[in-house]
Amino acid sequence: MEGTLLIVVAYLIGSIPFGMVVSRVFNREIDIRNTGSGNIGATNVARALGKKAGALTLLLDAGKAVLVLALARFVVGASADTWLAMVGGAVFLGHVFPVYLSFKGGKGVAVALGVVMFLSPLAALALMALFFLVFFFTKYVSLGSLCCAAGLPVMMALLGMPRSCLYMAFFISLVVFWAHRQNIRRLFMGQEPRFGAK
């Protein structure tokens, strides 16, 4: 019963659209859903309102995952790997398919980062290094995110994470690729905007 309740709470907290909250704080006249790419994630917030707003959105989106998982570990214990993996998946799904926004949310990268940071800080550091390496050479946020999504289950396996965490990693990876389907199409067509480009 406690585990099931945690999953529901994780989904509801994951559904909180911090990109919209931050954008309204910085500029009440802007609806981030009707600006730029229309995405509520940190990248679109940064493009519309500046790097500070984008960084705050990233911090809050990753933070809600860490908060929920910390609560779950307190309730079910550190050894309950399956429950922690399910709670991590639930907070991630809440962000991508938020109940408060008719199930139209962000692409889940920042929340996935928070989940991985909590479950395996070493994996998170390695994936962040991969992201910045790809971004440094290409200036494509989407490509860096996709490379990290592809590398997530591999990194989890190399570090010997529990099987439940591997399943969660594969699931997150697939959803991130699905959420980036339009970015993938634009990358292949050479139409994906580089970060910072006008």
N, C-alpha and C. Protein backbone atom coordinates (compact mmCIF):
# COMPACT_ATOMS: atom_id res chain seq x y z
N MET A 1 0.83 -1.21 0.00
CA MET A 1 0.00 0.00 0.00
C MET A 1 0.87 1.26 0.00
N GLU A 2 1.92 1.28 0.81
CA GLU A 2 2.80 2.44 0.87
C GLU A 2 3.49 2.65 -0.47
N GLY A 3 3.95 1.56 -1.09
CA GLY A 3 4.62 1.67 -2.37
C GLY A 3 3.71 2.19 -3.45
N THR A 4 2.47 1.70 -3.47
CA THR A 4 1.50 2.17 -4.47
C THR A 4 1.20 3.65 -4.28
N LEU A 5 1.05 4.07 -3.05
CA LEU A 5 0.80 5.48 -2.77
C LEU A 5 1.98 6.34 -3.20
N LEU A 6 3.19 5.84 -2.98
CA LEU A 6 4.38 6.57 -3.40
C LEU A 6 4.41 6.76 -4.91
N ILE A 7 4.01 5.76 -5.66
CA ILE A 7 4.00 5.86 -7.12
C ILE A 7 3.01 6.93 -7.56
N VAL A 8 1.83 6.97 -6.94
CA VAL A 8 0.84 7.99 -7.27
C VAL A 8 1.35 9.38 -6.94
N VAL A 9 1.94 9.53 -5.75
CA VAL A 9 2.49 10.82 -5.33
C VAL A 9 3.61 11.24 -6.27
N ALA A 10 4.45 10.28 -6.66
CA ALA A 10 5.56 10.58 -7.57
C ALA A 10 5.04 11.09 -8.90
N TYR A 11 4.01 10.46 -9.42
CA TYR A 11 3.44 10.92 -10.70
C TYR A 11 2.88 12.33 -10.57
N LEU A 12 2.16 12.60 -9.49
CA LEU A 12 1.53 13.92 -9.31
C LEU A 12 2.59 15.01 -9.13
N ILE A 13 3.64 14.72 -8.38
CA ILE A 13 4.72 15.70 -8.22
C ILE A 13 5.48 15.87 -9.54
N GLY A 14 5.70 14.77 -10.24
CA GLY A 14 6.35 14.85 -11.54
C GLY A 14 5.56 15.68 -12.53
N SER A 15 4.26 15.73 -12.35
CA SER A 15 3.39 16.49 -13.27
C SER A 15 3.47 17.99 -13.07
N ILE A 16 4.07 18.44 -11.97
CA ILE A 16 4.17 19.89 -11.73
C ILE A 16 5.02 20.52 -12.84
N PRO A 17 4.45 21.44 -13.63
CA PRO A 17 5.17 22.02 -14.78
C PRO A 17 6.03 23.21 -14.37
N PHE A 18 7.20 22.94 -13.84
CA PHE A 18 8.05 24.02 -13.34
C PHE A 18 8.48 24.97 -14.46
N GLY A 19 8.55 24.49 -15.69
CA GLY A 19 8.87 25.38 -16.81
C GLY A 19 7.84 26.48 -16.94
N MET A 20 6.57 26.14 -16.78
CA MET A 20 5.51 27.15 -16.83
C MET A 20 5.58 28.07 -15.62
N VAL A 21 5.84 27.50 -14.45
CA VAL A 21 5.92 28.31 -13.23
C VAL A 21 7.04 29.34 -13.34
N VAL A 22 8.21 28.87 -13.76
CA VAL A 22 9.37 29.76 -13.88
C VAL A 22 9.12 30.83 -14.94
N SER A 23 8.56 30.44 -16.06
CA SER A 23 8.32 31.41 -17.13
C SER A 23 7.34 32.49 -16.69
N ARG A 24 6.34 32.12 -15.91
CA ARG A 24 5.38 33.11 -15.41
C ARG A 24 6.03 34.03 -14.38
N VAL A 25 6.95 33.51 -13.60
CA VAL A 25 7.65 34.33 -12.62
C VAL A 25 8.53 35.37 -13.32
N PHE A 26 9.21 34.94 -14.39
CA PHE A 26 10.11 35.85 -15.11
C PHE A 26 9.34 36.80 -16.03
N ASN A 27 8.22 36.34 -16.57
CA ASN A 27 7.43 37.19 -17.47
C ASN A 27 6.00 36.66 -17.50
N ARG A 28 5.11 37.37 -16.81
CA ARG A 28 3.73 36.89 -16.66
C ARG A 28 2.96 36.87 -17.99
N GLU A 29 3.45 37.58 -18.97
CA GLU A 29 2.74 37.65 -20.24
C GLU A 29 3.07 36.48 -21.16
N ILE A 30 4.06 35.69 -20.79
CA ILE A 30 4.49 34.59 -21.65
C ILE A 30 3.89 33.27 -21.19
N ASP A 31 3.29 32.56 -22.14
CA ASP A 31 2.90 31.17 -21.94
C ASP A 31 3.93 30.35 -22.70
N ILE A 32 4.78 29.65 -21.98
CA ILE A 32 5.90 28.95 -22.62
C ILE A 32 5.42 27.92 -23.62
N ARG A 33 4.17 27.47 -23.47
CA ARG A 33 3.63 26.49 -24.41
C ARG A 33 3.36 27.10 -25.78
N ASN A 34 3.29 28.42 -25.84
CA ASN A 34 3.04 29.11 -27.11
C ASN A 34 4.27 29.90 -27.56
N THR A 35 5.42 29.55 -27.00
CA THR A 35 6.66 30.28 -27.30
C THR A 35 7.72 29.30 -27.78
N GLY A 36 8.46 29.67 -28.79
CA GLY A 36 9.54 28.82 -29.29
C GLY A 36 9.03 27.48 -29.75
N SER A 37 9.61 26.42 -29.20
CA SER A 37 9.19 25.06 -29.58
C SER A 37 7.89 24.65 -28.92
N GLY A 38 7.43 25.44 -27.95
CA GLY A 38 6.20 25.10 -27.24
C GLY A 38 6.41 24.10 -26.12
N ASN A 39 7.66 23.70 -25.88
CA ASN A 39 7.96 22.73 -24.85
C ASN A 39 8.14 23.42 -23.50
N ILE A 40 7.78 22.74 -22.42
CA ILE A 40 7.88 23.34 -21.09
C ILE A 40 9.23 23.07 -20.43
N GLY A 41 10.16 22.48 -21.16
CA GLY A 41 11.45 22.12 -20.59
C GLY A 41 12.42 23.28 -20.49
N ALA A 42 13.58 22.99 -19.87
CA ALA A 42 14.57 24.02 -19.57
C ALA A 42 15.15 24.67 -20.82
N THR A 43 15.33 23.90 -21.89
CA THR A 43 15.94 24.46 -23.11
C THR A 43 15.06 25.54 -23.71
N ASN A 44 13.77 25.27 -23.82
CA ASN A 44 12.86 26.26 -24.39
C ASN A 44 12.71 27.47 -23.48
N VAL A 45 12.70 27.24 -22.17
CA VAL A 45 12.63 28.34 -21.22
C VAL A 45 13.86 29.22 -21.35
N ALA A 46 15.03 28.59 -21.50
CA ALA A 46 16.27 29.35 -21.64
C ALA A 46 16.27 30.17 -22.92
N ARG A 47 15.77 29.60 -24.01
CA ARG A 47 15.71 30.33 -25.28
C ARG A 47 14.76 31.52 -25.19
N ALA A 48 13.65 31.34 -24.45
CA ALA A 48 12.63 32.38 -24.40
C ALA A 48 12.94 33.46 -23.35
N LEU A 49 13.54 33.04 -22.22
CA LEU A 49 13.67 33.96 -21.09
C LEU A 49 15.08 34.09 -20.55
N GLY A 50 16.04 33.40 -21.16
CA GLY A 50 17.42 33.55 -20.73
C GLY A 50 17.93 32.35 -19.95
N LYS A 51 19.25 32.32 -19.80
CA LYS A 51 19.91 31.17 -19.18
C LYS A 51 19.55 30.99 -17.71
N LYS A 52 19.32 32.09 -16.99
CA LYS A 52 18.97 31.96 -15.58
C LYS A 52 17.64 31.24 -15.40
N ALA A 53 16.66 31.61 -16.22
CA ALA A 53 15.36 30.96 -16.14
C ALA A 53 15.48 29.50 -16.55
N GLY A 54 16.28 29.23 -17.58
CA GLY A 54 16.47 27.86 -18.01
C GLY A 54 17.15 27.01 -16.96
N ALA A 55 18.19 27.58 -16.31
CA ALA A 55 18.91 26.85 -15.27
C ALA A 55 18.01 26.56 -14.07
N LEU A 56 17.16 27.53 -13.71
CA LEU A 56 16.24 27.33 -12.60
C LEU A 56 15.23 26.23 -12.92
N THR A 57 14.75 26.22 -14.15
CA THR A 57 13.82 25.17 -14.57
C THR A 57 14.48 23.80 -14.51
N LEU A 58 15.71 23.72 -15.00
CA LEU A 58 16.45 22.47 -14.95
C LEU A 58 16.63 21.99 -13.52
N LEU A 59 16.99 22.90 -12.64
CA LEU A 59 17.21 22.55 -11.23
C LEU A 59 15.93 22.05 -10.58
N LEU A 60 14.82 22.73 -10.85
CA LEU A 60 13.55 22.33 -10.23
C LEU A 60 13.04 21.01 -10.79
N ASP A 61 13.18 20.81 -12.10
CA ASP A 61 12.71 19.55 -12.70
C ASP A 61 13.53 18.36 -12.20
N ALA A 62 14.85 18.54 -12.14
CA ALA A 62 15.68 17.47 -11.59
C ALA A 62 15.43 17.30 -10.10
N GLY A 63 15.21 18.41 -9.41
CA GLY A 63 15.01 18.38 -7.97
C GLY A 63 13.75 17.65 -7.55
N LYS A 64 12.69 17.74 -8.36
CA LYS A 64 11.46 17.06 -7.96
C LYS A 64 11.65 15.55 -8.01
N ALA A 65 12.49 15.07 -8.91
CA ALA A 65 12.78 13.65 -8.95
C ALA A 65 13.59 13.22 -7.73
N VAL A 66 14.59 14.01 -7.38
CA VAL A 66 15.41 13.70 -6.20
C VAL A 66 14.56 13.72 -4.93
N LEU A 67 13.68 14.71 -4.82
CA LEU A 67 12.81 14.82 -3.65
C LEU A 67 11.92 13.60 -3.49
N VAL A 68 11.28 13.19 -4.58
CA VAL A 68 10.37 12.05 -4.52
C VAL A 68 11.12 10.76 -4.18
N LEU A 69 12.28 10.58 -4.78
CA LEU A 69 13.04 9.36 -4.51
C LEU A 69 13.59 9.34 -3.09
N ALA A 70 13.96 10.51 -2.57
CA ALA A 70 14.41 10.57 -1.18
C ALA A 70 13.27 10.19 -0.24
N LEU A 71 12.07 10.66 -0.54
CA LEU A 71 10.90 10.29 0.25
C LEU A 71 10.64 8.79 0.16
N ALA A 72 10.76 8.24 -1.06
CA ALA A 72 10.53 6.81 -1.25
C ALA A 72 11.55 5.98 -0.47
N ARG A 73 12.80 6.38 -0.51
CA ARG A 73 13.83 5.63 0.23
C ARG A 73 13.57 5.68 1.73
N PHE A 74 13.10 6.82 2.21
CA PHE A 74 12.79 6.96 3.63
C PHE A 74 11.64 6.03 4.02
N VAL A 75 10.66 5.89 3.12
CA VAL A 75 9.46 5.10 3.45
C VAL A 75 9.70 3.60 3.28
N VAL A 76 10.29 3.20 2.15
CA VAL A 76 10.40 1.77 1.85
C VAL A 76 11.78 1.19 2.17
N GLY A 77 12.76 2.05 2.43
CA GLY A 77 14.09 1.57 2.77
C GLY A 77 15.01 1.50 1.57
N ALA A 78 16.30 1.54 1.84
CA ALA A 78 17.29 1.59 0.78
C ALA A 78 17.36 0.30 -0.03
N SER A 79 16.92 -0.82 0.54
CA SER A 79 17.03 -2.11 -0.14
C SER A 79 15.88 -2.38 -1.10
N ALA A 80 14.87 -1.55 -1.11
CA ALA A 80 13.69 -1.77 -1.95
C ALA A 80 13.94 -1.21 -3.35
N ASP A 81 14.87 -1.83 -4.09
CA ASP A 81 15.27 -1.31 -5.40
C ASP A 81 14.12 -1.26 -6.39
N THR A 82 13.26 -2.25 -6.35
CA THR A 82 12.15 -2.30 -7.30
C THR A 82 11.21 -1.12 -7.11
N TRP A 83 10.88 -0.82 -5.84
CA TRP A 83 10.00 0.30 -5.57
C TRP A 83 10.65 1.62 -5.98
N LEU A 84 11.93 1.77 -5.70
CA LEU A 84 12.63 3.00 -6.07
C LEU A 84 12.64 3.17 -7.60
N ALA A 85 12.86 2.09 -8.32
CA ALA A 85 12.84 2.16 -9.78
C ALA A 85 11.45 2.55 -10.29
N MET A 86 10.42 2.00 -9.69
CA MET A 86 9.05 2.31 -10.11
C MET A 86 8.69 3.76 -9.79
N VAL A 87 9.13 4.23 -8.62
CA VAL A 87 8.88 5.63 -8.26
C VAL A 87 9.63 6.55 -9.21
N GLY A 88 10.87 6.20 -9.55
CA GLY A 88 11.62 7.00 -10.52
C GLY A 88 10.94 7.05 -11.87
N GLY A 89 10.42 5.91 -12.31
CA GLY A 89 9.67 5.89 -13.57
C GLY A 89 8.40 6.71 -13.50
N ALA A 90 7.74 6.70 -12.34
CA ALA A 90 6.49 7.44 -12.18
C ALA A 90 6.70 8.94 -12.22
N VAL A 91 7.73 9.45 -11.54
CA VAL A 91 7.98 10.89 -11.55
C VAL A 91 8.40 11.34 -12.95
N PHE A 92 9.12 10.49 -13.65
CA PHE A 92 9.50 10.78 -15.04
C PHE A 92 8.27 10.83 -15.93
N LEU A 93 7.38 9.85 -15.81
CA LEU A 93 6.16 9.84 -16.61
C LEU A 93 5.28 11.04 -16.31
N GLY A 94 5.24 11.45 -15.04
CA GLY A 94 4.45 12.61 -14.67
C GLY A 94 4.91 13.86 -15.40
N HIS A 95 6.22 13.99 -15.59
CA HIS A 95 6.73 15.16 -16.30
C HIS A 95 6.40 15.10 -17.79
N VAL A 96 6.53 13.94 -18.39
CA VAL A 96 6.29 13.81 -19.83
C VAL A 96 4.80 13.83 -20.15
N PHE A 97 4.00 13.24 -19.26
CA PHE A 97 2.55 13.19 -19.46
C PHE A 97 1.84 13.74 -18.23
N PRO A 98 1.93 15.06 -17.98
CA PRO A 98 1.39 15.64 -16.75
C PRO A 98 -0.13 15.72 -16.77
N VAL A 99 -0.73 15.29 -15.69
CA VAL A 99 -2.19 15.32 -15.59
C VAL A 99 -2.70 16.76 -15.58
N TYR A 100 -1.88 17.70 -15.10
CA TYR A 100 -2.32 19.09 -14.99
C TYR A 100 -2.33 19.82 -16.34
N LEU A 101 -1.68 19.25 -17.35
CA LEU A 101 -1.58 19.91 -18.67
C LEU A 101 -2.12 19.00 -19.77
N SER A 102 -3.16 18.26 -19.43
CA SER A 102 -3.79 17.36 -20.41
C SER A 102 -2.79 16.38 -21.01
N PHE A 103 -1.83 15.94 -20.19
CA PHE A 103 -0.84 14.92 -20.55
C PHE A 103 0.12 15.37 -21.65
N LYS A 104 0.31 16.69 -21.78
CA LYS A 104 1.26 17.23 -22.76
C LYS A 104 2.36 17.97 -22.00
N GLY A 105 3.46 17.28 -21.76
CA GLY A 105 4.51 17.85 -20.93
C GLY A 105 5.84 18.01 -21.63
N GLY A 106 6.92 17.90 -20.86
CA GLY A 106 8.25 18.07 -21.40
C GLY A 106 8.81 16.77 -21.94
N LYS A 107 10.09 16.79 -22.25
CA LYS A 107 10.72 15.62 -22.86
C LYS A 107 11.43 14.73 -21.85
N GLY A 108 11.45 15.16 -20.60
CA GLY A 108 11.87 14.27 -19.53
C GLY A 108 13.34 14.19 -19.23
N VAL A 109 14.17 14.94 -19.93
CA VAL A 109 15.62 14.80 -19.75
C VAL A 109 16.06 15.26 -18.37
N ALA A 110 15.59 16.43 -17.94
CA ALA A 110 16.01 16.95 -16.63
C ALA A 110 15.52 16.06 -15.50
N VAL A 111 14.30 15.57 -15.61
CA VAL A 111 13.77 14.68 -14.57
C VAL A 111 14.54 13.36 -14.56
N ALA A 112 14.85 12.85 -15.74
CA ALA A 112 15.65 11.63 -15.83
C ALA A 112 17.01 11.84 -15.17
N LEU A 113 17.59 13.02 -15.37
CA LEU A 113 18.86 13.34 -14.73
C LEU A 113 18.72 13.26 -13.22
N GLY A 114 17.64 13.82 -12.68
CA GLY A 114 17.42 13.76 -11.24
C GLY A 114 17.29 12.34 -10.73
N VAL A 115 16.58 11.51 -11.48
CA VAL A 115 16.40 10.11 -11.10
C VAL A 115 17.76 9.40 -11.07
N VAL A 116 18.55 9.59 -12.12
CA VAL A 116 19.85 8.91 -12.20
C VAL A 116 20.81 9.45 -11.14
N MET A 117 20.76 10.75 -10.89
CA MET A 117 21.63 11.34 -9.86
C MET A 117 21.37 10.71 -8.50
N PHE A 118 20.11 10.43 -8.22
CA PHE A 118 19.78 9.85 -6.92
C PHE A 118 20.18 8.39 -6.85
N LEU A 119 19.90 7.63 -7.91
CA LEU A 119 20.15 6.19 -7.90
C LEU A 119 21.62 5.84 -8.13
N SER A 120 22.31 6.65 -8.95
CA SER A 120 23.71 6.36 -9.26
C SER A 120 24.42 7.65 -9.65
N PRO A 121 24.96 8.37 -8.68
CA PRO A 121 25.66 9.63 -9.00
C PRO A 121 26.79 9.45 -10.01
N LEU A 122 27.48 8.31 -9.96
CA LEU A 122 28.57 8.07 -10.90
C LEU A 122 28.04 8.00 -12.34
N ALA A 123 26.92 7.31 -12.52
CA ALA A 123 26.30 7.24 -13.85
C ALA A 123 25.87 8.62 -14.31
N ALA A 124 25.32 9.41 -13.40
CA ALA A 124 24.88 10.77 -13.75
C ALA A 124 26.06 11.62 -14.19
N LEU A 125 27.18 11.53 -13.49
CA LEU A 125 28.36 12.31 -13.86
C LEU A 125 28.88 11.90 -15.23
N ALA A 126 28.91 10.60 -15.49
CA ALA A 126 29.39 10.12 -16.79
C ALA A 126 28.48 10.59 -17.91
N LEU A 127 27.17 10.55 -17.70
CA LEU A 127 26.23 10.97 -18.73
C LEU A 127 26.27 12.48 -18.94
N MET A 128 26.46 13.24 -17.87
CA MET A 128 26.60 14.68 -18.03
C MET A 128 27.85 15.03 -18.81
N ALA A 129 28.93 14.29 -18.56
CA ALA A 129 30.16 14.51 -19.34
C ALA A 129 29.92 14.21 -20.81
N LEU A 130 29.18 13.14 -21.09
CA LEU A 130 28.85 12.80 -22.48
C LEU A 130 28.01 13.90 -23.11
N PHE A 131 27.03 14.41 -22.36
CA PHE A 131 26.18 15.48 -22.90
C PHE A 131 27.00 16.71 -23.27
N PHE A 132 27.83 17.16 -22.34
CA PHE A 132 28.59 18.38 -22.59
C PHE A 132 29.62 18.18 -23.72
N LEU A 133 30.12 16.98 -23.85
CA LEU A 133 31.05 16.70 -24.94
C LEU A 133 30.34 16.81 -26.29
N VAL A 134 29.17 16.19 -26.39
CA VAL A 134 28.39 16.26 -27.64
C VAL A 134 27.95 17.70 -27.90
N PHE A 135 27.47 18.36 -26.86
CA PHE A 135 26.99 19.74 -27.01
C PHE A 135 28.12 20.68 -27.40
N PHE A 136 29.30 20.48 -26.83
CA PHE A 136 30.45 21.35 -27.13
C PHE A 136 30.79 21.32 -28.61
N PHE A 137 30.75 20.14 -29.20
CA PHE A 137 31.15 20.01 -30.60
C PHE A 137 30.01 20.28 -31.59
N THR A 138 28.76 20.14 -31.15
CA THR A 138 27.65 20.27 -32.10
C THR A 138 26.71 21.44 -31.81
N LYS A 139 26.63 21.86 -30.54
CA LYS A 139 25.68 22.89 -30.08
C LYS A 139 24.23 22.44 -30.21
N TYR A 140 24.02 21.11 -30.32
CA TYR A 140 22.67 20.56 -30.36
C TYR A 140 22.33 19.99 -28.99
N VAL A 141 21.39 20.63 -28.29
CA VAL A 141 20.94 20.11 -27.00
C VAL A 141 20.25 18.77 -27.20
N SER A 142 19.44 18.68 -28.24
CA SER A 142 18.68 17.46 -28.49
C SER A 142 19.60 16.27 -28.75
N LEU A 143 20.66 16.47 -29.52
CA LEU A 143 21.58 15.38 -29.81
C LEU A 143 22.31 14.92 -28.56
N GLY A 144 22.71 15.88 -27.72
CA GLY A 144 23.34 15.51 -26.46
C GLY A 144 22.39 14.71 -25.58
N SER A 145 21.12 15.13 -25.55
CA SER A 145 20.12 14.42 -24.75
C SER A 145 19.90 13.01 -25.28
N LEU A 146 19.84 12.86 -26.59
CA LEU A 146 19.61 11.55 -27.19
C LEU A 146 20.80 10.61 -26.94
N CYS A 147 21.99 11.15 -27.01
CA CYS A 147 23.18 10.33 -26.72
C CYS A 147 23.16 9.85 -25.27
N CYS A 148 22.74 10.72 -24.37
CA CYS A 148 22.65 10.32 -22.96
C CYS A 148 21.55 9.28 -22.76
N ALA A 149 20.43 9.44 -23.45
CA ALA A 149 19.34 8.46 -23.34
C ALA A 149 19.80 7.09 -23.83
N ALA A 150 20.56 7.08 -24.93
CA ALA A 150 21.08 5.82 -25.44
C ALA A 150 22.10 5.21 -24.49
N GLY A 151 22.89 6.06 -23.85
CA GLY A 151 23.93 5.58 -22.96
C GLY A 151 23.45 5.20 -21.57
N LEU A 152 22.24 5.64 -21.19
CA LEU A 152 21.75 5.41 -19.83
C LEU A 152 21.69 3.93 -19.47
N PRO A 153 20.98 3.09 -20.23
CA PRO A 153 20.94 1.68 -19.84
C PRO A 153 22.30 1.00 -19.89
N VAL A 154 23.14 1.43 -20.83
CA VAL A 154 24.49 0.86 -20.93
C VAL A 154 25.28 1.19 -19.67
N MET A 155 25.22 2.44 -19.25
CA MET A 155 25.97 2.86 -18.07
C MET A 155 25.45 2.16 -16.82
N MET A 156 24.14 2.02 -16.71
CA MET A 156 23.56 1.33 -15.55
C MET A 156 24.03 -0.12 -15.50
N ALA A 157 24.10 -0.76 -16.68
CA ALA A 157 24.54 -2.15 -16.74
C ALA A 157 26.01 -2.27 -16.37
N LEU A 158 26.83 -1.37 -16.88
CA LEU A 158 28.27 -1.41 -16.59
C LEU A 158 28.55 -1.22 -15.11
N LEU A 159 27.72 -0.43 -14.45
CA LEU A 159 27.92 -0.17 -13.02
C LEU A 159 27.27 -1.23 -12.13
N GLY A 160 26.65 -2.23 -12.75
CA GLY A 160 26.07 -3.32 -11.97
C GLY A 160 24.84 -2.94 -11.18
N MET A 161 24.03 -2.03 -11.72
CA MET A 161 22.81 -1.63 -11.02
C MET A 161 21.80 -2.78 -11.01
N PRO A 162 20.88 -2.80 -10.04
CA PRO A 162 19.88 -3.88 -9.97
C PRO A 162 19.05 -3.96 -11.25
N ARG A 163 18.51 -5.15 -11.49
CA ARG A 163 17.75 -5.37 -12.73
C ARG A 163 16.57 -4.43 -12.85
N SER A 164 15.91 -4.10 -11.74
CA SER A 164 14.77 -3.19 -11.80
C SER A 164 15.20 -1.81 -12.31
N CYS A 165 16.39 -1.37 -11.92
CA CYS A 165 16.90 -0.08 -12.39
C CYS A 165 17.25 -0.14 -13.87
N LEU A 166 17.73 -1.29 -14.33
CA LEU A 166 18.02 -1.44 -15.76
C LEU A 166 16.74 -1.36 -16.57
N TYR A 167 15.67 -2.02 -16.11
CA TYR A 167 14.39 -1.94 -16.80
C TYR A 167 13.90 -0.49 -16.86
N MET A 168 14.02 0.20 -15.72
CA MET A 168 13.61 1.60 -15.68
C MET A 168 14.44 2.43 -16.65
N ALA A 169 15.75 2.17 -16.74
CA ALA A 169 16.63 2.91 -17.63
C ALA A 169 16.25 2.70 -19.09
N PHE A 170 15.95 1.46 -19.47
CA PHE A 170 15.51 1.17 -20.83
C PHE A 170 14.20 1.90 -21.13
N PHE A 171 13.29 1.87 -20.16
CA PHE A 171 12.00 2.53 -20.33
C PHE A 171 12.18 4.04 -20.53
N ILE A 172 12.97 4.66 -19.68
CA ILE A 172 13.23 6.10 -19.80
C ILE A 172 13.87 6.42 -21.14
N SER A 173 14.83 5.60 -21.54
CA SER A 173 15.51 5.82 -22.81
C SER A 173 14.54 5.80 -23.98
N LEU A 174 13.66 4.82 -24.00
CA LEU A 174 12.68 4.72 -25.10
C LEU A 174 11.74 5.92 -25.12
N VAL A 175 11.27 6.34 -23.95
CA VAL A 175 10.34 7.47 -23.89
C VAL A 175 11.04 8.77 -24.31
N VAL A 176 12.29 8.94 -23.91
CA VAL A 176 13.04 10.15 -24.31
C VAL A 176 13.19 10.18 -25.84
N PHE A 177 13.50 9.05 -26.44
CA PHE A 177 13.60 9.01 -27.90
C PHE A 177 12.25 9.32 -28.54
N TRP A 178 11.19 8.78 -27.97
CA TRP A 178 9.85 9.07 -28.50
C TRP A 178 9.53 10.56 -28.38
N ALA A 179 9.85 11.15 -27.24
CA ALA A 179 9.56 12.57 -27.02
C ALA A 179 10.38 13.46 -27.95
N HIS A 180 11.52 12.97 -28.42
CA HIS A 180 12.39 13.74 -29.31
C HIS A 180 12.20 13.37 -30.78
N ARG A 181 11.09 12.73 -31.11
CA ARG A 181 10.91 12.25 -32.49
C ARG A 181 10.97 13.38 -33.51
N GLN A 182 10.41 14.56 -33.17
CA GLN A 182 10.48 15.68 -34.10
C GLN A 182 11.90 16.23 -34.20
N ASN A 183 12.62 16.23 -33.10
CA ASN A 183 14.02 16.67 -33.12
C ASN A 183 14.86 15.74 -33.97
N ILE A 184 14.60 14.44 -33.87
CA ILE A 184 15.34 13.46 -34.67
C ILE A 184 15.10 13.71 -36.15
N ARG A 185 13.86 13.97 -36.50
CA ARG A 185 13.54 14.25 -37.91
C ARG A 185 14.27 15.50 -38.39
N ARG A 186 14.28 16.55 -37.55
CA ARG A 186 14.96 17.79 -37.95
C ARG A 186 16.47 17.60 -38.02
N LEU A 187 17.02 16.77 -37.13
CA LEU A 187 18.46 16.50 -37.18
C LEU A 187 18.84 15.84 -38.50
N PHE A 188 18.04 14.87 -38.93
CA PHE A 188 18.33 14.19 -40.19
C PHE A 188 18.17 15.12 -41.39
N MET A 189 17.26 16.10 -41.27
CA MET A 189 17.01 17.03 -42.37
C MET A 189 17.90 18.27 -42.30
N GLY A 190 18.72 18.37 -41.23
CA GLY A 190 19.58 19.53 -41.07
C GLY A 190 18.86 20.78 -40.67
N GLN A 191 17.70 20.65 -40.04
CA GLN A 191 16.87 21.80 -39.69
C GLN A 191 16.78 22.03 -38.18
N GLU A 192 17.49 21.24 -37.40
CA GLU A 192 17.43 21.41 -35.95
C GLU A 192 18.22 22.66 -35.55
N PRO A 193 17.60 23.58 -34.80
CA PRO A 193 18.33 24.80 -34.39
C PRO A 193 19.39 24.50 -33.35
N ARG A 194 20.55 25.10 -33.51
CA ARG A 194 21.60 24.97 -32.52
C ARG A 194 21.33 25.94 -31.38
N PHE A 195 21.72 25.56 -30.17
CA PHE A 195 21.48 26.41 -29.01
C PHE A 195 22.25 27.71 -29.14
N GLY A 196 21.55 28.81 -28.93
CA GLY A 196 22.17 30.14 -29.04
C GLY A 196 22.00 30.76 -30.40
N ALA A 197 21.56 29.96 -31.39
CA ALA A 197 21.37 30.52 -32.73
C ALA A 197 20.11 31.36 -32.77
N LYS A 198 20.17 32.45 -33.57
CA LYS A 198 19.00 33.30 -33.71
C LYS A 198 17.95 32.63 -34.60
